[in-house]
């Protein structure tokens, strides 16, 4: 689980993983979703370098959890997590703590499709807005057919060797599946979940708070 973000855009005054959502940290919410999936046997928390001990306190003494310090950017943090994999870890899920309300069934869905033979699997939702490609001056270049577009979420799942090979190329990415694609890999999209919304800004946090208070999450 990538949890090393500084949280600057969230304006929480602390690393994003420790920001509060309805009285619990984003990391605590995220771990509840991960551990709710029985297929998950090992969790690596990639923590803010200054927050390793705090992550350890939140995770408790669970033998399934290892904690490592994150790097200078997201790619370096994912690589730190990869370096902490155990010998029997054959399927790797990369999950952002910002999507802390992702439900257990989303993890199970991704794992099932990777286990079924797909080398890389990402959850995605249909795009409901019209999307336009523009140049540096704001001039519209193209309007893609939104029927073929998906907004991609996490957890993203991979055969271990596929993700390790992609990162060994030395490239950097904000999306792990995109890195696999650039290295010639094939990625399958499965049905995402609206509960896996990304908390990046104070508005996102307010929306997630309201949804939880209304009992929308249902976990």
Protein backbone atom coordinates (compact mmCIF):
# COMPACT_ATOMS: atom_id res chain seq x y z
CA UNK A 1 0.00 0.00 0.00
CA UNK A 2 1.50 3.30 -1.10
CA UNK A 3 1.04 5.65 1.86
CA UNK A 4 4.09 7.91 1.66
CA UNK A 5 2.39 11.00 0.18
CA UNK A 6 2.95 14.34 1.88
CA UNK A 7 -0.70 15.37 1.72
CA UNK A 8 0.09 18.92 0.58
CA UNK A 9 -2.97 19.16 -1.67
CA UNK A 10 -5.16 17.80 1.12
CA UNK A 11 -3.97 20.65 3.35
CA UNK A 12 -4.14 18.42 6.41
CA UNK A 13 -0.85 19.57 7.94
CA UNK A 14 0.42 15.98 8.04
CA UNK A 15 1.13 13.07 5.67
CA UNK A 16 -2.03 12.01 3.88
CA UNK A 17 -2.03 8.54 5.46
CA UNK A 18 -2.61 10.07 8.90
CA UNK A 19 -5.30 12.59 7.92
CA UNK A 20 -8.56 12.00 9.76
CA UNK A 21 -11.74 10.73 8.13
CA UNK A 22 -14.65 10.38 10.56
CA UNK A 23 -12.29 9.96 13.49
CA UNK A 24 -9.91 7.44 11.92
CA UNK A 25 -6.86 7.89 9.72
CA UNK A 26 -7.06 7.22 6.00
CA UNK A 27 -4.58 4.40 6.59
CA UNK A 28 -6.84 2.75 9.18
CA UNK A 29 -9.77 2.86 6.76
CA UNK A 30 -7.60 1.47 3.95
CA UNK A 31 -6.31 -1.40 6.07
CA UNK A 32 -9.86 -2.37 6.97
CA UNK A 33 -10.66 -2.81 3.30
CA UNK A 34 -7.47 -4.76 2.58
CA UNK A 35 -7.83 -7.13 5.54
CA UNK A 36 -11.47 -7.67 4.70
CA UNK A 37 -10.32 -9.61 1.62
CA UNK A 38 -9.31 -13.15 2.66
CA UNK A 39 -7.16 -13.59 -0.45
CA UNK A 40 -4.69 -10.98 0.83
CA UNK A 41 -1.95 -12.69 2.80
CA UNK A 42 0.78 -10.04 2.99
CA UNK A 43 0.58 -6.25 3.19
CA UNK A 44 3.50 -3.88 2.73
CA UNK A 45 2.85 -0.34 3.90
CA UNK A 46 5.14 2.13 2.19
CA UNK A 47 5.18 4.83 4.84
CA UNK A 48 6.29 8.46 4.96
CA UNK A 49 9.93 8.34 6.11
CA UNK A 50 8.99 10.32 9.22
CA UNK A 51 5.94 8.16 9.91
CA UNK A 52 7.23 4.59 9.95
CA UNK A 53 6.62 4.19 13.68
CA UNK A 54 3.15 5.71 13.42
CA UNK A 55 2.27 3.27 10.65
CA UNK A 56 3.55 0.43 12.79
CA UNK A 57 1.31 1.54 15.65
CA UNK A 58 -1.72 1.64 13.33
CA UNK A 59 -0.95 -1.79 11.89
CA UNK A 60 -0.42 -3.36 15.30
CA UNK A 61 1.38 -6.68 15.64
CA UNK A 62 -0.22 -8.32 12.61
CA UNK A 63 2.33 -10.77 11.14
CA UNK A 64 0.95 -10.11 7.67
CA UNK A 65 2.24 -6.52 7.67
CA UNK A 66 5.68 -5.18 6.80
CA UNK A 67 6.47 -1.46 6.83
CA UNK A 68 9.12 0.29 4.75
CA UNK A 69 9.98 3.94 4.23
CA UNK A 70 8.91 5.53 0.96
CA UNK A 71 11.15 7.26 -1.56
CA UNK A 72 11.38 10.68 -3.17
CA UNK A 73 8.41 10.06 -5.49
CA UNK A 74 5.69 7.50 -6.08
CA UNK A 75 7.82 5.30 -8.35
CA UNK A 76 10.59 5.12 -5.77
CA UNK A 77 8.02 4.26 -3.11
CA UNK A 78 6.57 1.42 -5.17
CA UNK A 79 10.07 0.10 -5.77
CA UNK A 80 10.69 0.15 -2.02
CA UNK A 81 7.58 -1.92 -1.59
CA UNK A 82 8.64 -4.38 -4.28
CA UNK A 83 11.97 -4.85 -2.53
CA UNK A 84 10.09 -5.98 0.60
CA UNK A 85 8.08 -8.73 -1.10
CA UNK A 86 8.30 -12.19 0.45
CA UNK A 87 9.45 -15.21 -1.54
CA UNK A 88 5.95 -16.66 -1.93
CA UNK A 89 4.32 -13.40 -3.09
CA UNK A 90 3.40 -14.14 -6.71
CA UNK A 91 0.57 -11.62 -7.21
CA UNK A 92 1.20 -7.99 -6.31
CA UNK A 93 -1.47 -5.37 -5.75
CA UNK A 94 -0.48 -1.71 -5.70
CA UNK A 95 -3.03 0.34 -3.77
CA UNK A 96 -3.06 4.04 -2.93
CA UNK A 97 -4.03 5.01 0.61
CA UNK A 98 -5.90 7.93 -0.99
CA UNK A 99 -8.51 5.36 -2.12
CA UNK A 100 -9.01 4.28 1.47
CA UNK A 101 -12.67 3.28 1.08
CA UNK A 102 -12.03 0.66 -1.59
CA UNK A 103 -14.10 -2.36 -0.43
CA UNK A 104 -12.77 -5.91 0.05
CA UNK A 105 -14.68 -7.20 -2.96
CA UNK A 106 -12.71 -4.88 -5.25
CA UNK A 107 -9.45 -6.45 -4.07
CA UNK A 108 -10.94 -9.92 -4.54
CA UNK A 109 -12.10 -9.08 -8.07
CA UNK A 110 -8.66 -7.90 -9.18
CA UNK A 111 -6.90 -10.88 -7.59
CA UNK A 112 -9.30 -13.33 -9.22
CA UNK A 113 -8.62 -12.05 -12.73
CA UNK A 114 -4.84 -11.99 -12.26
CA UNK A 115 -5.01 -15.50 -10.83
CA UNK A 116 -7.04 -16.51 -13.87
CA UNK A 117 -4.13 -15.72 -16.18
CA UNK A 118 -4.11 -11.98 -16.85
CA UNK A 119 -0.66 -10.43 -16.25
CA UNK A 120 -1.96 -6.97 -15.29
CA UNK A 121 -5.43 -5.95 -14.14
CA UNK A 122 -6.85 -2.56 -13.16
CA UNK A 123 -10.33 -1.56 -11.96
CA UNK A 124 -12.05 1.21 -13.86
CA UNK A 125 -15.34 3.06 -14.10
CA UNK A 126 -17.03 4.40 -17.23
CA UNK A 127 -16.37 8.09 -17.84
CA UNK A 128 -19.58 10.09 -17.69
CA UNK A 129 -18.16 13.50 -18.61
CA UNK A 130 -17.23 14.44 -22.16
CA UNK A 131 -13.42 14.53 -22.37
CA UNK A 132 -11.49 16.72 -24.79
CA UNK A 133 -7.81 16.62 -25.72
CA UNK A 134 -6.35 20.14 -25.98
CA UNK A 135 -3.01 21.71 -26.90
CA UNK A 136 -0.95 24.13 -24.79
CA UNK A 137 -3.16 27.03 -25.90
CA UNK A 138 -6.37 25.27 -24.91
CA UNK A 139 -7.44 24.52 -28.47
CA UNK A 140 -9.41 21.32 -28.79
CA UNK A 141 -7.57 18.67 -30.78
CA UNK A 142 -9.89 15.72 -30.33
CA UNK A 143 -13.02 14.55 -28.51
CA UNK A 144 -12.59 10.85 -27.71
CA UNK A 145 -15.64 8.62 -27.66
CA UNK A 146 -16.37 8.32 -23.96
CA UNK A 147 -17.87 4.88 -24.44
CA UNK A 148 -14.32 3.54 -24.73
CA UNK A 149 -12.91 5.54 -21.80
CA UNK A 150 -12.45 4.32 -18.22
CA UNK A 151 -11.37 6.21 -15.10
CA UNK A 152 -8.78 3.92 -13.51
CA UNK A 153 -8.61 3.19 -9.79
CA UNK A 154 -6.55 1.09 -7.41
CA UNK A 155 -5.79 -1.61 -6.35
CA UNK A 156 -3.97 -2.47 -9.56
CA UNK A 157 -2.92 -6.12 -9.74
CA UNK A 158 0.04 -7.77 -11.46
CA UNK A 159 1.94 -10.96 -11.75
CA UNK A 160 5.00 -10.22 -9.68
CA UNK A 161 7.49 -10.69 -12.51
CA UNK A 162 5.51 -8.37 -14.79
CA UNK A 163 5.63 -5.44 -12.37
CA UNK A 164 9.25 -6.05 -11.37
CA UNK A 165 10.27 -6.11 -15.04
CA UNK A 166 8.43 -2.84 -15.70
CA UNK A 167 10.17 -1.08 -12.84
CA UNK A 168 13.55 -2.54 -13.80
CA UNK A 169 13.32 -0.50 -17.01
CA UNK A 170 14.17 2.63 -15.03
CA UNK A 171 11.12 4.58 -16.17
CA UNK A 172 8.90 6.56 -13.82
CA UNK A 173 5.11 6.60 -13.71
CA UNK A 174 2.13 7.83 -11.71
CA UNK A 175 0.20 4.76 -12.88
CA UNK A 176 1.77 1.33 -12.53
CA UNK A 177 -0.30 -0.18 -15.32
CA UNK A 178 0.86 2.61 -17.62
CA UNK A 179 4.44 1.61 -16.89
CA UNK A 180 3.63 -1.99 -17.77
CA UNK A 181 1.98 -0.80 -21.01
CA UNK A 182 5.06 1.21 -22.00
CA UNK A 183 7.12 -1.94 -21.56
CA UNK A 184 4.93 -3.90 -23.93
CA UNK A 185 2.65 -5.52 -21.36
CA UNK A 186 -1.07 -6.11 -21.76
CA UNK A 187 -3.48 -4.69 -19.19
CA UNK A 188 -7.08 -5.80 -18.59
CA UNK A 189 -9.70 -3.45 -17.11
CA UNK A 190 -12.31 -4.90 -14.75
CA UNK A 191 -15.30 -3.24 -13.13
CA UNK A 192 -14.29 -0.64 -10.57
CA UNK A 193 -16.22 0.59 -7.55
CA UNK A 194 -17.54 4.07 -6.77
CA UNK A 195 -16.48 3.61 -3.17
CA UNK A 196 -12.83 3.64 -4.28
CA UNK A 197 -12.94 7.40 -4.80
CA UNK A 198 -9.62 9.21 -4.53
CA UNK A 199 -9.14 11.63 -1.64
CA UNK A 200 -6.77 14.32 -2.84
CA UNK A 201 -8.30 17.68 -1.87
CA UNK A 202 -10.26 19.03 1.11
CA UNK A 203 -13.39 18.76 -1.04
CA UNK A 204 -12.74 15.04 -1.61
CA UNK A 205 -12.35 14.57 2.14
CA UNK A 206 -15.60 16.41 2.79
CA UNK A 207 -17.41 14.23 0.24
CA UNK A 208 -16.02 11.03 1.76
CA UNK A 209 -17.01 12.24 5.24
CA UNK A 210 -20.56 12.96 4.15
CA UNK A 211 -20.86 9.61 2.43
CA UNK A 212 -19.64 7.71 5.48
CA UNK A 213 -21.93 9.66 7.79
CA UNK A 214 -24.86 8.73 5.55
CA UNK A 215 -23.91 5.06 5.76
CA UNK A 216 -23.11 4.98 2.04
CA UNK A 217 -19.95 2.96 2.34
CA UNK A 218 -21.61 -0.14 3.70
CA UNK A 219 -18.40 -1.92 4.78
